[in-house]
Amino acid sequence: MEQVTYNMLFRWFIGLSMDAPVWDVRVFTKNRERLLVGDIAVAFLLSVMGDLTVKRLLSHEHFSVDGTLIDAWASMKSFRCKDDGGDGPSGPSRNAEREFRGG
């Protein structure tokens, strides 16, 4: 709701004029729940998926995930190659140095 208050693009998308008051958060939450439960969300998604511009971006062979916002707790040292059966060149230490760039 804060973004709707300050972002002109959001206001334009939902049809609010620049001086129109933004509704209360409870109203938004109530309407969001109704939208997700009703058939309108499915119809909207099917409409978007049927668009020719969107179809060019889709693939049945693979999918991609944007992980830029995912916080990872694992460090590069904790990863192991799929074909790496041993403990690696530095031994079994948890924080052993590992080479992942093929060098």
Protein backbone atom coordinates (compact mmCIF):
# COMPACT_ATOMS: atom_id res chain seq x y z
CA MET A 1 0.00 0.00 0.00
CA GLU A 2 2.96 2.29 0.60
CA GLN A 3 4.05 1.79 -3.01
CA VAL A 4 0.58 2.69 -4.24
CA THR A 5 0.78 5.87 -2.19
CA TYR A 6 4.06 7.01 -3.78
CA ASN A 7 4.46 5.19 -7.11
CA MET A 8 2.67 6.84 -10.05
CA LEU A 9 2.88 3.68 -12.18
CA PHE A 10 0.99 1.67 -9.57
CA ARG A 11 -1.63 4.41 -9.31
CA TRP A 12 -2.04 4.44 -13.09
CA PHE A 13 -2.30 0.62 -13.26
CA ILE A 14 -5.09 0.41 -10.71
CA GLY A 15 -6.85 3.54 -11.95
CA LEU A 16 -6.21 5.97 -9.10
CA SER A 17 -5.71 9.63 -9.89
CA MET A 18 -2.78 11.49 -8.35
CA ASP A 19 -4.92 13.18 -5.69
CA ALA A 20 -7.19 10.21 -4.89
CA PRO A 21 -6.74 8.76 -1.42
CA VAL A 22 -5.31 5.26 -1.21
CA TRP A 23 -7.63 2.78 0.46
CA ASP A 24 -6.96 1.19 3.82
CA VAL A 25 -4.72 -1.88 4.02
CA ARG A 26 -7.60 -3.99 5.36
CA VAL A 27 -9.65 -3.27 2.22
CA PHE A 28 -6.73 -4.32 0.03
CA THR A 29 -6.22 -7.56 1.99
CA LYS A 30 -9.93 -8.41 1.83
CA ASN A 31 -10.07 -7.84 -1.91
CA ARG A 32 -6.82 -9.74 -2.50
CA GLU A 33 -8.23 -12.80 -0.73
CA ARG A 34 -11.45 -12.60 -2.75
CA LEU A 35 -9.45 -12.26 -5.97
CA LEU A 36 -7.36 -15.34 -5.24
CA VAL A 37 -10.33 -17.48 -4.20
CA GLY A 38 -12.49 -16.49 -7.16
CA ASP A 39 -12.18 -17.49 -10.79
CA ILE A 40 -10.90 -14.08 -11.86
CA ALA A 41 -7.29 -14.88 -10.85
CA VAL A 42 -7.29 -18.03 -12.99
CA ALA A 43 -8.86 -16.19 -15.91
CA PHE A 44 -6.28 -13.41 -15.64
CA LEU A 45 -3.37 -15.88 -15.55
CA LEU A 46 -4.73 -17.83 -18.53
CA SER A 47 -5.14 -14.58 -20.44
CA VAL A 48 -1.55 -13.58 -19.74
CA MET A 49 -0.22 -17.04 -20.62
CA GLY A 50 -2.14 -16.98 -23.89
CA ASP A 51 -0.59 -13.72 -25.05
CA LEU A 52 1.78 -14.21 -28.00
CA THR A 53 4.46 -12.01 -26.45
CA VAL A 54 4.44 -14.12 -23.29
CA LYS A 55 4.37 -17.44 -25.20
CA ARG A 56 7.71 -16.58 -26.82
CA LEU A 57 9.23 -16.35 -23.33
CA LEU A 58 7.98 -19.77 -22.20
CA SER A 59 9.60 -23.15 -22.70
CA HIS A 60 8.49 -26.73 -22.06
CA GLU A 61 12.12 -27.86 -21.86
CA HIS A 62 13.42 -25.82 -18.94
CA PHE A 63 12.65 -23.05 -16.51
CA SER A 64 14.68 -20.28 -14.97
CA VAL A 65 14.49 -18.74 -11.54
CA ASP A 66 15.69 -15.29 -10.64
CA GLY A 67 17.56 -15.91 -7.43
CA THR A 68 18.78 -12.38 -6.86
CA LEU A 69 16.45 -11.91 -3.91
CA ILE A 70 17.04 -15.31 -2.34
CA ASP A 71 19.28 -15.24 0.71
CA ALA A 72 21.55 -18.26 0.77
CA TRP A 73 23.15 -19.57 3.92
CA ALA A 74 25.49 -21.89 2.05
CA SER A 75 28.94 -20.74 1.07
CA MET A 76 30.84 -21.80 -2.03
CA LYS A 77 32.97 -24.05 0.18
CA SER A 78 29.96 -26.18 1.10
CA PHE A 79 29.02 -27.07 -2.48
CA ARG A 80 30.29 -30.27 -4.06
CA CYS A 81 30.34 -31.31 -7.70
CA LYS A 82 27.86 -34.04 -8.62
CA ASP A 83 30.65 -36.36 -9.75
CA ASP A 84 32.85 -35.60 -6.71
CA GLY A 85 32.78 -38.83 -4.73
CA GLY A 86 35.47 -37.86 -2.23
CA ASP A 87 36.18 -35.08 0.14
CA GLY A 88 38.00 -33.01 -2.44
CA PRO A 89 41.66 -32.02 -2.68
CA SER A 90 41.83 -30.31 0.71
CA GLY A 91 40.54 -33.18 2.82
CA PRO A 92 37.35 -33.68 4.83
CA SER A 93 37.42 -30.30 6.59
CA ARG A 94 34.11 -28.48 6.53
CA ASN A 95 35.74 -25.24 5.42
CA ALA A 96 38.26 -26.78 3.05
CA GLU A 97 39.20 -24.71 0.01
CA ARG A 98 37.55 -25.89 -3.20
CA GLU A 99 38.06 -24.97 -6.85
CA PHE A 100 34.79 -24.60 -8.78
CA ARG A 101 35.95 -22.73 -11.82
CA GLY A 102 37.64 -25.70 -13.51
CA GLY A 103 41.13 -24.25 -13.09
